[in-house]
Amino acid sequence: MADVTTELIRNVVLLSHSGAGKTILSESLLNQTGVTNRIGTVEDGTTVSDFEAEESKRGNSVQTSIMHAPWRNHKI
């Protein structure tokens, strides 16, 4: 993505209880915006946001993840 001015940046937070689907939602958003070519799964340990060994072992997120994606000339 080309350099983006602050007027075109949108910050979004996914926040909920454990197991609510934040990881799969973020995987779907990354896939739909073309950042990834497939939707990773927690079960397979192939998600973008869960990359630590402890997260793979537990099957859920342990740390906060920062991801970005282009959408309609904006950076989300």
Foldseek 3Di string as FASTA:
>chain_A
DDDDDPVQEDDDDDDDDWPPCPQQVVQVVCCVLPVDVDRDALQVQPTPFQPDPVSNVVSHDDDDGDDWGDDPRGID
